[in-house]
Amino acid sequence: MSQRVLEYTGQEKHVIRFGELVRELPVIQVSNNIWIASNADLILGDIEFVQTAAELSSENIKKYAPEIIVTPEVKAVALAYEVARRLGHKRLVIARKSVKAYMRDYLLEECSSITTKEKQVLILVREDAERIKGRRICILDDVVSTGGTITALERLVERAGGKIVCRAAIWVEGPWYTGELIHLDELPVFVKK
């Protein structure tokens, strides 16, 4: 097995390291035979980790000179905010995951994720689609596994007329995604033999 696919033997934690930062991620089951090291608690509340990941990510992203960061709702928002701030941007664009009553005009793409059982949607409201048009875009997520979310974001950005200059994430997870991706580290998936 590759380092991106490890045998599940009942492990409860997976240790990650970013420089001096060391964190333990809980290993959780997401399907009959797949477990992942869940980053949800880390990315949604560990300010020190988000700031460190944003600093490292922005250093890797800045050479592509993006004008706008586009990210999916919810987990990657704090990271995207920090990266955009470090790049000197005044705005970022968040693709929403549900249609709200105040959304009058929007672009919608379906996607799937290994951590979500049902089909998902990603939505760009008209105002954000106009912000993206003709601009250099970095698509940023916390983790890319199968590529379902990042591919849906690509379609949204292209439909809005944006030019994708790079795709980035903290982690690439598992063996599935083979596209170009700036990332800081790899996360394994765990399977039973």
Protein backbone atom coordinates (compact mmCIF):
# COMPACT_ATOMS: atom_id res chain seq x y z
CA MET A 1 0.00 0.00 0.00
CA SER A 2 1.17 3.56 -0.68
CA GLN A 3 1.56 6.15 2.07
CA ARG A 4 -1.79 7.60 1.00
CA VAL A 5 -3.53 4.29 1.71
CA LEU A 6 -2.79 2.55 5.01
CA GLU A 7 -4.24 -0.56 6.56
CA TYR A 8 -6.90 0.11 9.19
CA THR A 9 -6.04 -1.87 12.30
CA GLY A 10 -8.21 -0.02 14.81
CA GLN A 11 -6.08 3.10 15.13
CA GLU A 12 -7.97 5.98 16.76
CA LYS A 13 -5.59 8.87 15.99
CA HIS A 14 -3.31 10.05 13.19
CA VAL A 15 -0.48 12.48 14.03
CA ILE A 16 0.31 15.40 11.71
CA ARG A 17 3.25 17.81 11.89
CA PHE A 18 3.68 21.29 10.44
CA GLY A 19 7.02 22.63 11.58
CA GLU A 20 6.79 22.87 15.36
CA LEU A 21 3.04 22.18 15.40
CA VAL A 22 1.99 18.63 16.21
CA ARG A 23 -1.67 17.64 16.22
CA GLU A 24 -3.65 14.42 16.56
CA LEU A 25 -6.58 13.88 14.21
CA PRO A 26 -9.31 11.36 15.10
CA VAL A 27 -9.63 8.46 12.67
CA ILE A 28 -13.29 8.08 11.71
CA GLN A 29 -15.19 5.71 9.44
CA VAL A 30 -16.79 7.35 6.38
CA SER A 31 -17.94 4.24 4.50
CA ASN A 32 -18.01 0.45 4.86
CA ASN A 33 -14.29 0.03 4.28
CA ILE A 34 -12.78 3.55 4.50
CA TRP A 35 -11.61 5.57 7.51
CA ILE A 36 -10.10 9.06 7.35
CA ALA A 37 -8.09 11.28 9.67
CA SER A 38 -10.74 13.94 10.28
CA ASN A 39 -9.52 17.53 10.20
CA ALA A 40 -12.91 19.08 11.10
CA ASP A 41 -12.08 20.09 14.68
CA LEU A 42 -8.62 21.29 13.68
CA ILE A 43 -9.63 23.45 10.72
CA LEU A 44 -12.78 24.80 12.39
CA GLY A 45 -11.27 25.94 15.66
CA ASP A 46 -7.49 25.68 16.00
CA ILE A 47 -6.41 29.27 15.31
CA GLU A 48 -2.71 28.52 15.64
CA PHE A 49 -2.98 25.71 13.09
CA VAL A 50 -5.07 27.78 10.63
CA GLN A 51 -2.60 30.67 10.82
CA THR A 52 0.38 28.36 10.27
CA ALA A 53 -1.30 26.58 7.33
CA ALA A 54 -2.31 29.96 5.84
CA GLU A 55 1.22 31.32 6.13
CA LEU A 56 2.71 28.26 4.42
CA SER A 57 -0.04 28.12 1.78
CA SER A 58 0.15 31.82 0.91
CA GLU A 59 3.91 31.49 0.33
CA ASN A 60 3.23 28.72 -2.20
CA ILE A 61 0.28 30.50 -3.84
CA LYS A 62 1.64 34.04 -4.22
CA LYS A 63 3.90 33.21 -7.19
CA TYR A 64 0.74 32.53 -9.25
CA ALA A 65 -0.47 36.09 -8.55
CA PRO A 66 -4.15 35.28 -8.02
CA GLU A 67 -6.51 38.23 -7.67
CA ILE A 68 -9.27 36.34 -5.83
CA ILE A 69 -9.42 33.24 -3.65
CA VAL A 70 -12.50 31.05 -4.24
CA THR A 71 -13.34 28.50 -1.54
CA PRO A 72 -16.26 26.23 -0.64
CA GLU A 73 -18.38 26.84 2.43
CA VAL A 74 -17.65 25.96 5.50
CA LYS A 75 -14.45 24.29 6.68
CA ALA A 76 -12.02 26.13 4.39
CA VAL A 77 -13.39 29.64 5.02
CA ALA A 78 -11.04 30.58 7.89
CA LEU A 79 -8.06 29.30 5.91
CA ALA A 80 -9.16 31.19 2.76
CA TYR A 81 -9.66 34.39 4.77
CA GLU A 82 -6.15 34.14 6.23
CA VAL A 83 -4.54 33.33 2.88
CA ALA A 84 -6.40 36.18 1.13
CA ARG A 85 -5.39 38.61 3.89
CA ARG A 86 -1.74 37.56 3.65
CA LEU A 87 -1.86 38.04 -0.15
CA GLY A 88 -3.21 41.58 0.32
CA HIS A 89 -6.67 40.84 -1.09
CA LYS A 90 -9.67 42.89 0.00
CA ARG A 91 -12.26 40.16 -0.75
CA LEU A 92 -12.63 36.45 -1.18
CA VAL A 93 -15.45 34.45 -2.73
CA ILE A 94 -17.25 31.65 -0.91
CA ALA A 95 -19.24 29.07 -2.87
CA ARG A 96 -22.31 28.35 -0.77
CA LYS A 97 -23.71 24.85 -0.22
CA SER A 98 -27.42 25.66 -0.25
CA VAL A 99 -29.75 28.10 -1.95
CA LYS A 100 -30.98 30.85 0.39
CA ALA A 101 -34.10 32.98 0.02
CA TYR A 102 -32.03 36.13 -0.61
CA MET A 103 -30.25 34.57 -3.62
CA ARG A 104 -31.99 35.96 -6.69
CA ASP A 105 -29.57 34.91 -9.39
CA TYR A 106 -26.84 32.31 -9.09
CA LEU A 107 -24.77 29.61 -10.74
CA LEU A 108 -25.10 26.09 -9.32
CA GLU A 109 -22.95 22.95 -9.69
CA GLU A 110 -23.50 19.51 -8.17
CA CYS A 111 -20.63 17.67 -6.50
CA SER A 112 -19.91 14.76 -4.22
CA SER A 113 -17.52 14.27 -1.33
CA ILE A 114 -16.34 11.21 0.59
CA THR A 115 -17.39 12.90 3.85
CA THR A 116 -20.94 13.69 2.72
CA LYS A 117 -23.45 10.93 2.05
CA GLU A 118 -25.80 12.90 -0.24
CA LYS A 119 -25.06 14.88 -3.38
CA GLN A 120 -24.03 18.43 -2.60
CA VAL A 121 -24.35 21.66 -4.51
CA LEU A 122 -22.00 24.61 -4.75
CA ILE A 123 -23.47 28.01 -5.55
CA LEU A 124 -22.04 31.33 -6.69
CA VAL A 125 -24.37 34.28 -6.35
CA ARG A 126 -24.46 36.72 -9.27
CA GLU A 127 -22.40 39.36 -7.41
CA ASP A 128 -19.58 36.88 -6.79
CA ALA A 129 -19.76 35.56 -10.35
CA GLU A 130 -19.29 39.18 -11.53
CA ARG A 131 -16.31 39.62 -9.17
CA ILE A 132 -14.64 36.55 -10.69
CA LYS A 133 -15.20 37.43 -14.36
CA GLY A 134 -11.89 38.08 -16.11
CA ARG A 135 -9.88 37.71 -12.87
CA ARG A 136 -7.02 35.40 -11.90
CA ILE A 137 -8.44 32.82 -9.47
CA CYS A 138 -6.94 30.49 -6.87
CA ILE A 139 -9.32 27.71 -5.82
CA LEU A 140 -8.54 26.85 -2.20
CA ASP A 141 -9.89 24.05 -0.02
CA ASP A 142 -8.74 22.43 3.21
CA VAL A 143 -8.41 18.89 1.82
CA VAL A 144 -8.83 17.32 -1.62
CA SER A 145 -9.73 13.62 -1.72
CA THR A 146 -11.61 12.49 -4.81
CA GLY A 147 -11.57 15.96 -6.36
CA GLY A 148 -15.37 16.25 -6.49
CA THR A 149 -15.56 19.61 -4.73
CA ILE A 150 -12.57 21.17 -6.46
CA THR A 151 -13.86 20.05 -9.88
CA ALA A 152 -17.27 21.62 -9.17
CA LEU A 153 -15.51 24.84 -8.11
CA GLU A 154 -13.53 24.79 -11.37
CA ARG A 155 -16.77 24.52 -13.36
CA LEU A 156 -18.31 27.42 -11.40
CA VAL A 157 -15.29 29.66 -11.90
CA GLU A 158 -15.13 28.85 -15.62
CA ARG A 159 -18.87 29.49 -16.05
CA ALA A 160 -18.40 32.86 -14.32
CA GLY A 161 -15.55 33.74 -16.71
CA GLY A 162 -12.69 33.51 -14.21
CA LYS A 163 -9.19 32.29 -15.11
CA ILE A 164 -7.95 29.56 -12.77
CA VAL A 165 -4.24 30.09 -12.12
CA CYS A 166 -3.84 27.53 -9.33
CA ARG A 167 -5.60 25.04 -7.08
CA ALA A 168 -4.46 24.63 -3.48
CA ALA A 169 -5.24 22.78 -0.29
CA ILE A 170 -3.58 21.96 2.99
CA TRP A 171 -3.78 18.24 2.23
CA VAL A 172 -4.32 15.82 -0.60
CA GLU A 173 -6.00 12.75 0.89
CA GLY A 174 -5.99 9.21 -0.41
CA PRO A 175 -5.02 7.93 -3.86
CA TRP A 176 -7.82 9.43 -5.98
CA TYR A 177 -6.96 13.00 -7.00
CA THR A 178 -4.36 13.23 -9.75
CA GLY A 179 -4.77 16.84 -10.89
CA GLU A 180 -2.41 19.73 -10.31
CA LEU A 181 -2.64 20.83 -6.69
CA ILE A 182 -0.44 22.96 -4.46
CA HIS A 183 -0.56 21.23 -1.07
CA LEU A 184 1.39 21.19 2.16
CA ASP A 185 1.07 17.55 3.11
CA GLU A 186 -0.70 14.26 2.45
CA LEU A 187 -3.32 12.53 4.57
CA PRO A 188 -3.80 8.80 4.30
CA VAL A 189 -7.06 6.95 4.06
CA PHE A 190 -7.29 3.73 6.01
CA VAL A 191 -8.78 0.52 4.62
CA LYS A 192 -9.24 -3.00 6.01
CA LYS A 193 -7.48 -5.77 4.11
